[in-house]
């Protein structure tokens, strides 16, 4: 059940992050949106545990996953612009 829950939260977080972050060069499609949200959740879990926001057994929730997905999208956009021009 944990993997299914991660995929659901990842998709929702990725979709919200795509709505928050404007841009044409963002990944599209169900799978890429889900991977974006999951990557954001893992990123914010790592950052949160490093900064002491989360214990070792805690993971980032929906808000943390959205924040992480927005950061991943901004980084994605920076690399897309750099590779094109």
PDB file of N, CA and C in Angstrom:
ATOM      1  N   UNK A   1       0.820  -1.195   0.000  1.00  0.00           N
ATOM      2  CA  UNK A   1       0.000   0.000   0.000  1.00  0.00           C
ATOM      3  C   UNK A   1       0.859   1.253   0.000  1.00  0.00           C
ATOM      4  N   UNK A   2       2.054   1.170   0.535  1.00  0.00           N
ATOM      5  CA  UNK A   2       2.921   2.333   0.617  1.00  0.00           C
ATOM      6  C   UNK A   2       3.319   2.840  -0.760  1.00  0.00           C
ATOM      7  N   UNK A   3       3.585   1.937  -1.698  1.00  0.00           N
ATOM      8  CA  UNK A   3       3.990   2.353  -3.044  1.00  0.00           C
ATOM      9  C   UNK A   3       2.824   2.999  -3.768  1.00  0.00           C
ATOM     10  N   UNK A   4       1.649   2.465  -3.629  1.00  0.00           N
ATOM     11  CA  UNK A   4       0.468   3.049  -4.264  1.00  0.00           C
ATOM     12  C   UNK A   4       0.213   4.442  -3.696  1.00  0.00           C
ATOM     13  N   UNK A   5       0.327   4.591  -2.384  1.00  0.00           N
ATOM     14  CA  UNK A   5       0.128   5.890  -1.750  1.00  0.00           C
ATOM     15  C   UNK A   5       1.187   6.886  -2.238  1.00  0.00           C
ATOM     16  N   UNK A   6       2.420   6.453  -2.392  1.00  0.00           N
ATOM     17  CA  UNK A   6       3.486   7.319  -2.892  1.00  0.00           C
ATOM     18  C   UNK A   6       3.186   7.784  -4.312  1.00  0.00           C
ATOM     19  N   UNK A   7       2.684   6.895  -5.152  1.00  0.00           N
ATOM     20  CA  UNK A   7       2.346   7.260  -6.525  1.00  0.00           C
ATOM     21  C   UNK A   7       1.191   8.267  -6.547  1.00  0.00           C
ATOM     22  N   UNK A   8       0.183   8.047  -5.728  1.00  0.00           N
ATOM     23  CA  UNK A   8      -0.955   8.968  -5.676  1.00  0.00           C
ATOM     24  C   UNK A   8      -0.508  10.344  -5.203  1.00  0.00           C
ATOM     25  N   UNK A   9       0.234  10.397  -4.095  1.00  0.00           N
ATOM     26  CA  UNK A   9       0.731  11.674  -3.578  1.00  0.00           C
ATOM     27  C   UNK A   9       1.664  12.323  -4.597  1.00  0.00           C
ATOM     28  N   UNK A  10       2.499  11.528  -5.250  1.00  0.00           N
ATOM     29  CA  UNK A  10       3.407  12.052  -6.265  1.00  0.00           C
ATOM     30  C   UNK A  10       2.666  12.686  -7.421  1.00  0.00           C
ATOM     31  N   UNK A  11       1.607  12.044  -7.896  1.00  0.00           N
ATOM     32  CA  UNK A  11       0.840  12.613  -8.999  1.00  0.00           C
ATOM     33  C   UNK A  11       0.166  13.911  -8.585  1.00  0.00           C
ATOM     34  N   UNK A  12      -0.469  13.909  -7.430  1.00  0.00           N
ATOM     35  CA  UNK A  12      -1.155  15.125  -6.959  1.00  0.00           C
ATOM     36  C   UNK A  12      -0.145  16.255  -6.755  1.00  0.00           C
ATOM     37  N   UNK A  13       0.984  15.957  -6.130  1.00  0.00           N
ATOM     38  CA  UNK A  13       2.011  16.978  -5.893  1.00  0.00           C
ATOM     39  C   UNK A  13       2.579  17.485  -7.213  1.00  0.00           C
ATOM     40  N   UNK A  14       2.831  16.602  -8.161  1.00  0.00           N
ATOM     41  CA  UNK A  14       3.341  17.023  -9.465  1.00  0.00           C
ATOM     42  C   UNK A  14       2.349  17.887 -10.216  1.00  0.00           C
ATOM     43  N   UNK A  15       1.074  17.530 -10.161  1.00  0.00           N
ATOM     44  CA  UNK A  15       0.047  18.320 -10.837  1.00  0.00           C
ATOM     45  C   UNK A  15      -0.081  19.706 -10.211  1.00  0.00           C
ATOM     46  N   UNK A  16      -0.063  19.783  -8.889  1.00  0.00           N
ATOM     47  CA  UNK A  16      -0.143  21.085  -8.213  1.00  0.00           C
ATOM     48  C   UNK A  16       1.090  21.920  -8.535  1.00  0.00           C
ATOM     49  N   UNK A  17       2.259  21.300  -8.538  1.00  0.00           N
ATOM     50  CA  UNK A  17       3.494  22.033  -8.843  1.00  0.00           C
ATOM     51  C   UNK A  17       3.475  22.571 -10.268  1.00  0.00           C
ATOM     52  N   UNK A  18       2.924  21.803 -11.212  1.00  0.00           N
ATOM     53  CA  UNK A  18       2.839  22.276 -12.591  1.00  0.00           C
ATOM     54  C   UNK A  18       1.865  23.440 -12.712  1.00  0.00           C
ATOM     55  N   UNK A  19       0.833  23.470 -11.873  1.00  0.00           N
ATOM     56  CA  UNK A  19      -0.096  24.601 -11.877  1.00  0.00           C
ATOM     57  C   UNK A  19       0.543  25.853 -11.270  1.00  0.00           C
ATOM     58  N   UNK A  20       1.374  25.657 -10.251  1.00  0.00           N
ATOM     59  CA  UNK A  20       2.010  26.785  -9.563  1.00  0.00           C
ATOM     60  C   UNK A  20       3.133  27.385 -10.396  1.00  0.00           C
ATOM     61  N   UNK A  21       3.919  26.538 -11.038  1.00  0.00           N
ATOM     62  CA  UNK A  21       5.110  26.977 -11.753  1.00  0.00           C
ATOM     63  C   UNK A  21       4.785  27.187 -13.222  1.00  0.00           C
ATOM     64  N   UNK A  22       4.889  28.430 -13.712  1.00  0.00           N
ATOM     65  CA  UNK A  22       4.619  28.664 -15.130  1.00  0.00           C
ATOM     66  C   UNK A  22       5.804  28.241 -15.987  1.00  0.00           C
ATOM     67  N   UNK A  23       5.534  27.921 -17.240  1.00  0.00           N
ATOM     68  CA  UNK A  23       6.620  27.580 -18.149  1.00  0.00           C
ATOM     69  C   UNK A  23       6.174  26.622 -19.225  1.00  0.00           C
ATOM     70  N   UNK A  24       6.864  26.704 -20.364  1.00  0.00           N
ATOM     71  CA  UNK A  24       6.541  25.824 -21.482  1.00  0.00           C
ATOM     72  C   UNK A  24       7.397  24.575 -21.479  1.00  0.00           C
ATOM     73  N   UNK A  25       8.551  24.625 -20.836  1.00  0.00           N
ATOM     74  CA  UNK A  25       9.528  23.542 -20.921  1.00  0.00           C
ATOM     75  C   UNK A  25       9.388  22.514 -19.816  1.00  0.00           C
ATOM     76  N   UNK A  26       8.213  22.372 -19.263  1.00  0.00           N
ATOM     77  CA  UNK A  26       8.050  21.418 -18.179  1.00  0.00           C
ATOM     78  C   UNK A  26       7.647  20.058 -18.722  1.00  0.00           C
ATOM     79  N   UNK A  27       7.966  19.007 -17.984  1.00  0.00           N
ATOM     80  CA  UNK A  27       7.604  17.659 -18.438  1.00  0.00           C
ATOM     81  C   UNK A  27       6.087  17.491 -18.471  1.00  0.00           C
ATOM     82  N   UNK A  28       5.602  16.700 -19.415  1.00  0.00           N
ATOM     83  CA  UNK A  28       4.162  16.511 -19.520  1.00  0.00           C
ATOM     84  C   UNK A  28       3.832  15.025 -19.514  1.00  0.00           C
ATOM     85  N   UNK A  29       2.586  14.747 -19.302  1.00  0.00           N
ATOM     86  CA  UNK A  29       2.132  13.359 -19.269  1.00  0.00           C
ATOM     87  C   UNK A  29       1.974  12.864 -17.846  1.00  0.00           C
ATOM     88  N   UNK A  30       1.179  11.826 -17.711  1.00  0.00           N
ATOM     89  CA  UNK A  30       0.872  11.260 -16.400  1.00  0.00           C
ATOM     90  C   UNK A  30       2.121  10.737 -15.700  1.00  0.00           C
ATOM     91  N   UNK A  31       2.930   9.984 -16.417  1.00  0.00           N
ATOM     92  CA  UNK A  31       4.107   9.360 -15.797  1.00  0.00           C
ATOM     93  C   UNK A  31       5.118  10.411 -15.373  1.00  0.00           C
ATOM     94  N   UNK A  32       5.384  11.383 -16.248  1.00  0.00           N
ATOM     95  CA  UNK A  32       6.358  12.432 -15.905  1.00  0.00           C
ATOM     96  C   UNK A  32       5.859  13.302 -14.751  1.00  0.00           C
ATOM     97  N   UNK A  33       4.561  13.590 -14.720  1.00  0.00           N
ATOM     98  CA  UNK A  33       4.005  14.364 -13.617  1.00  0.00           C
ATOM     99  C   UNK A  33       4.143  13.601 -12.306  1.00  0.00           C
ATOM    100  N   UNK A  34       3.863  12.303 -12.344  1.00  0.00           N
ATOM    101  CA  UNK A  34       3.998  11.472 -11.147  1.00  0.00           C
ATOM    102  C   UNK A  34       5.449  11.400 -10.697  1.00  0.00           C
ATOM    103  N   UNK A  35       6.367  11.185 -11.630  1.00  0.00           N
ATOM    104  CA  UNK A  35       7.790  11.131 -11.275  1.00  0.00           C
ATOM    105  C   UNK A  35       8.279  12.458 -10.714  1.00  0.00           C
ATOM    106  N   UNK A  36       7.770  13.554 -11.255  1.00  0.00           N
ATOM    107  CA  UNK A  36       8.116  14.871 -10.740  1.00  0.00           C
ATOM    108  C   UNK A  36       7.688  15.014  -9.284  1.00  0.00           C
ATOM    109  N   UNK A  37       6.474  14.619  -8.970  1.00  0.00           N
ATOM    110  CA  UNK A  37       5.989  14.703  -7.594  1.00  0.00           C
ATOM    111  C   UNK A  37       6.730  13.776  -6.653  1.00  0.00           C
ATOM    112  N   UNK A  38       7.012  12.564  -7.103  1.00  0.00           N
ATOM    113  CA  UNK A  38       7.749  11.607  -6.270  1.00  0.00           C
ATOM    114  C   UNK A  38       9.170  12.116  -6.026  1.00  0.00           C
ATOM    115  N   UNK A  39       9.815  12.652  -7.077  1.00  0.00           N
ATOM    116  CA  UNK A  39      11.165  13.214  -6.913  1.00  0.00           C
ATOM    117  C   UNK A  39      11.140  14.388  -5.940  1.00  0.00           C
ATOM    118  N   UNK A  40      10.108  15.217  -6.028  1.00  0.00           N
ATOM    119  CA  UNK A  40       9.969  16.335  -5.090  1.00  0.00           C
ATOM    120  C   UNK A  40       9.786  15.867  -3.657  1.00  0.00           C
ATOM    121  N   UNK A  41       9.017  14.813  -3.478  1.00  0.00           N
ATOM    122  CA  UNK A  41       8.811  14.271  -2.131  1.00  0.00           C
ATOM    123  C   UNK A  41      10.111  13.712  -1.558  1.00  0.00           C
ATOM    124  N   UNK A  42      10.852  12.964  -2.376  1.00  0.00           N
ATOM    125  CA  UNK A  42      12.135  12.438  -1.908  1.00  0.00           C
ATOM    126  C   UNK A  42      13.114  13.563  -1.602  1.00  0.00           C
ATOM    127  N   UNK A  43      13.141  14.578  -2.462  1.00  0.00           N
ATOM    128  CA  UNK A  43      14.038  15.712  -2.252  1.00  0.00           C
ATOM    129  C   UNK A  43      13.716  16.421  -0.941  1.00  0.00           C
ATOM    130  N   UNK A  44      12.435  16.714  -0.702  1.00  0.00           N
ATOM    131  CA  UNK A  44      12.072  17.425   0.519  1.00  0.00           C
ATOM    132  C   UNK A  44      12.220  16.543   1.755  1.00  0.00           C
ATOM    133  N   UNK A  45      12.053  15.246   1.619  1.00  0.00           N
ATOM    134  CA  UNK A  45      12.309  14.346   2.744  1.00  0.00           C
ATOM    135  C   UNK A  45      13.776  14.411   3.124  1.00  0.00           C
ATOM    136  N   UNK A  46      14.661  14.360   2.138  1.00  0.00           N
ATOM    137  CA  UNK A  46      16.100  14.441   2.397  1.00  0.00           C
ATOM    138  C   UNK A  46      16.458  15.781   3.028  1.00  0.00           C
ATOM    139  N   UNK A  47      15.961  16.876   2.445  1.00  0.00           N
ATOM    140  CA  UNK A  47      16.264  18.211   2.981  1.00  0.00           C
ATOM    141  C   UNK A  47      15.685  18.368   4.389  1.00  0.00           C
ATOM    142  N   UNK A  48      14.459  17.923   4.574  1.00  0.00           N
ATOM    143  CA  UNK A  48      13.816  18.048   5.878  1.00  0.00           C
ATOM    144  C   UNK A  48      14.518  17.248   6.966  1.00  0.00           C
ATOM    145  N   UNK A  49      14.972  16.058   6.635  1.00  0.00           N
ATOM    146  CA  UNK A  49      15.703  15.259   7.612  1.00  0.00           C
ATOM    147  C   UNK A  49      17.071  15.856   7.888  1.00  0.00           C
ATOM    148  N   UNK A  50      17.704  16.433   6.868  1.00  0.00           N
ATOM    149  CA  UNK A  50      19.020  17.057   7.053  1.00  0.00           C
ATOM    150  C   UNK A  50      18.935  18.295   7.936  1.00  0.00           C
ATOM    151  N   UNK A  51      17.838  19.049   7.802  1.00  0.00           N
ATOM    152  CA  UNK A  51      17.675  20.278   8.580  1.00  0.00           C
ATOM    153  C   UNK A  51      16.981  20.046   9.915  1.00  0.00           C
ATOM    154  N   UNK A  52      16.548  18.822  10.174  1.00  0.00           N
ATOM    155  CA  UNK A  52      15.907  18.508  11.444  1.00  0.00           C
ATOM    156  C   UNK A  52      14.411  18.774  11.468  1.00  0.00           C
ATOM    157  N   UNK A  53      13.803  19.006  10.309  1.00  0.00           N
ATOM    158  CA  UNK A  53      12.361  19.218  10.256  1.00  0.00           C
ATOM    159  C   UNK A  53      11.605  17.919  10.436  1.00  0.00           C
ATOM    160  N   UNK A  54      12.183  16.821   9.941  1.00  0.00           N
ATOM    161  CA  UNK A  54      11.569  15.503  10.037  1.00  0.00           C
ATOM    162  C   UNK A  54      12.512  14.564  10.779  1.00  0.00           C
ATOM    163  N   UNK A  55      11.922  13.606  11.519  1.00  0.00           N
ATOM    164  CA  UNK A  55      12.735  12.561  12.123  1.00  0.00           C
ATOM    165  C   UNK A  55      13.160  11.578  11.043  1.00  0.00           C
ATOM    166  N   UNK A  56      14.021  10.666  11.403  1.00  0.00           N
ATOM    167  CA  UNK A  56      14.523   9.687  10.435  1.00  0.00           C
ATOM    168  C   UNK A  56      13.414   8.790   9.876  1.00  0.00           C
ATOM    169  N   UNK A  57      12.368   8.560  10.650  1.00  0.00           N
ATOM    170  CA  UNK A  57      11.291   7.683  10.194  1.00  0.00           C
ATOM    171  C   UNK A  57      10.133   8.446   9.547  1.00  0.00           C
ATOM    172  N   UNK A  58      10.238   9.763   9.419  1.00  0.00           N
ATOM    173  CA  UNK A  58       9.186  10.575   8.817  1.00  0.00           C
ATOM    174  C   UNK A  58       9.515  10.901   7.364  1.00  0.00           C
ATOM    175  N   UNK A  59       8.464  11.093   6.580  1.00  0.00           N
ATOM    176  CA  UNK A  59       8.604  11.510   5.187  1.00  0.00           C
ATOM    177  C   UNK A  59       7.868  12.820   4.997  1.00  0.00           C
ATOM    178  N   UNK A  60       8.191  13.502   3.908  1.00  0.00           N
ATOM    179  CA  UNK A  60       7.490  14.738   3.576  1.00  0.00           C
ATOM    180  C   UNK A  60       6.048  14.409   3.200  1.00  0.00           C
ATOM    181  N   UNK A  61       5.134  15.253   3.621  1.00  0.00           N
ATOM    182  CA  UNK A  61       3.738  15.088   3.268  1.00  0.00           C
ATOM    183  C   UNK A  61       3.429  15.769   1.947  1.00  0.00           C
ATOM    184  N   UNK A  62       2.170  16.038   1.715  1.00  0.00           N
ATOM    185  CA  UNK A  62       1.740  16.628   0.453  1.00  0.00           C
ATOM    186  C   UNK A  62       2.332  18.018   0.253  1.00  0.00           C
ATOM    187  N   UNK A  63       2.329  18.844   1.281  1.00  0.00           N
ATOM    188  CA  UNK A  63       2.864  20.199   1.138  1.00  0.00           C
ATOM    189  C   UNK A  63       4.362  20.155   0.862  1.00  0.00           C
ATOM    190  N   UNK A  64       5.079  19.315   1.559  1.00  0.00           N
ATOM    191  CA  UNK A  64       6.506  19.160   1.306  1.00  0.00           C
ATOM    192  C   UNK A  64       6.777  18.614  -0.080  1.00  0.00           C
ATOM    193  N   UNK A  65       5.959  17.670  -0.525  1.00  0.00           N
ATOM    194  CA  UNK A  65       6.132  17.101  -1.861  1.00  0.00           C
ATOM    195  C   UNK A  65       5.877  18.146  -2.935  1.00  0.00           C
ATOM    196  N   UNK A  66       4.870  18.996  -2.733  1.00  0.00           N
ATOM    197  CA  UNK A  66       4.594  20.068  -3.692  1.00  0.00           C
ATOM    198  C   UNK A  66       5.756  21.054  -3.724  1.00  0.00           C
ATOM    199  N   UNK A  67       6.261  21.438  -2.549  1.00  0.00           N
ATOM    200  CA  UNK A  67       7.395  22.360  -2.496  1.00  0.00           C
ATOM    201  C   UNK A  67       8.615  21.749  -3.191  1.00  0.00           C
ATOM    202  N   UNK A  68       8.882  20.493  -2.941  1.00  0.00           N
ATOM    203  CA  UNK A  68       9.992  19.823  -3.589  1.00  0.00           C
ATOM    204  C   UNK A  68       9.801  19.710  -5.090  1.00  0.00           C
ATOM    205  N   UNK A  69       8.569  19.442  -5.528  1.00  0.00           N
ATOM    206  CA  UNK A  69       8.293  19.338  -6.959  1.00  0.00           C
ATOM    207  C   UNK A  69       8.455  20.687  -7.654  1.00  0.00           C
ATOM    208  N   UNK A  70       8.080  21.770  -6.968  1.00  0.00           N
ATOM    209  CA  UNK A  70       8.293  23.108  -7.537  1.00  0.00           C
ATOM    210  C   UNK A  70       9.784  23.366  -7.703  1.00  0.00           C
ATOM    211  N   UNK A  71      10.579  22.992  -6.716  1.00  0.00           N
ATOM    212  CA  UNK A  71      12.034  23.174  -6.808  1.00  0.00           C
ATOM    213  C   UNK A  71      12.597  22.336  -7.961  1.00  0.00           C
ATOM    214  N   UNK A  72      12.133  21.092  -8.077  1.00  0.00           N
ATOM    215  CA  UNK A  72      12.593  20.234  -9.172  1.00  0.00           C
ATOM    216  C   UNK A  72      12.187  20.830 -10.522  1.00  0.00           C
ATOM    217  N   UNK A  73      10.984  21.396 -10.621  1.00  0.00           N
ATOM    218  CA  UNK A  73      10.548  22.017 -11.869  1.00  0.00           C
ATOM    219  C   UNK A  73      11.394  23.235 -12.228  1.00  0.00           C
ATOM    220  N   UNK A  74      11.739  24.043 -11.236  1.00  0.00           N
ATOM    221  CA  UNK A  74      12.579  25.215 -11.491  1.00  0.00           C
ATOM    222  C   UNK A  74      13.951  24.772 -11.991  1.00  0.00           C
ATOM    223  N   UNK A  75      14.512  23.755 -11.378  1.00  0.00           N
ATOM    224  CA  UNK A  75      15.805  23.224 -11.823  1.00  0.00           C
ATOM    225  C   UNK A  75      15.670  22.644 -13.236  1.00  0.00           C
ATOM    226  N   UNK A  76      14.599  21.924 -13.498  1.00  0.00           N
ATOM    227  CA  UNK A  76      14.338  21.359 -14.824  1.00  0.00           C
ATOM    228  C   UNK A  76      14.296  22.480 -15.864  1.00  0.00           C
ATOM    229  N   UNK A  77      13.560  23.550 -15.570  1.00  0.00           N
ATOM    230  CA  UNK A  77      13.461  24.670 -16.495  1.00  0.00           C
ATOM    231  C   UNK A  77      14.803  25.344 -16.746  1.00  0.00           C
ATOM    232  N   UNK A  78      15.635  25.451 -15.709  1.00  0.00           N
ATOM    233  CA  UNK A  78      16.952  26.058 -15.879  1.00  0.00           C
ATOM    234  C   UNK A  78      17.822  25.215 -16.809  1.00  0.00           C
ATOM    235  N   UNK A  79      17.775  23.908 -16.669  1.00  0.00           N
ATOM    236  CA  UNK A  79      18.556  23.040 -17.534  1.00  0.00           C
ATOM    237  C   UNK A  79      18.013  23.044 -18.968  1.00  0.00           C
ATOM    238  N   UNK A  80      16.701  23.138 -19.119  1.00  0.00           N
ATOM    239  CA  UNK A  80      16.107  23.183 -20.461  1.00  0.00           C
ATOM    240  C   UNK A  80      16.520  24.454 -21.188  1.00  0.00           C
ATOM    241  N   UNK A  81      16.493  25.600 -20.491  1.00  0.00           N
ATOM    242  CA  UNK A  81      16.913  26.854 -21.105  1.00  0.00           C
ATOM    243  C   UNK A  81      18.376  26.832 -21.469  1.00  0.00           C
ATOM    244  N   UNK A  82      19.200  26.260 -20.582  1.00  0.00           N
ATOM    245  CA  UNK A  82      20.639  26.219 -20.813  1.00  0.00           C
ATOM    246  C   UNK A  82      20.984  25.326 -22.007  1.00  0.00           C
ATOM    247  N   UNK A  83      20.277  24.217 -22.162  1.00  0.00           N
ATOM    248  CA  UNK A  83      20.584  23.299 -23.253  1.00  0.00           C
ATOM    249  C   UNK A  83      20.111  23.828 -24.613  1.00  0.00           C
ATOM    250  N   UNK A  84      19.114  24.692 -24.605  1.00  0.00           N
ATOM    251  CA  UNK A  84      18.604  25.230 -25.865  1.00  0.00           C
ATOM    252  C   UNK A  84      19.337  26.476 -26.319  1.00  0.00           C
ATOM    253  N   UNK A  85      19.914  27.203 -25.406  1.00  0.00           N
ATOM    254  CA  UNK A  85      20.492  28.467 -25.833  1.00  0.00           C
ATOM    255  C   UNK A  85      21.793  28.713 -25.254  1.00  0.00           C
TER     256      UNK A  85
END
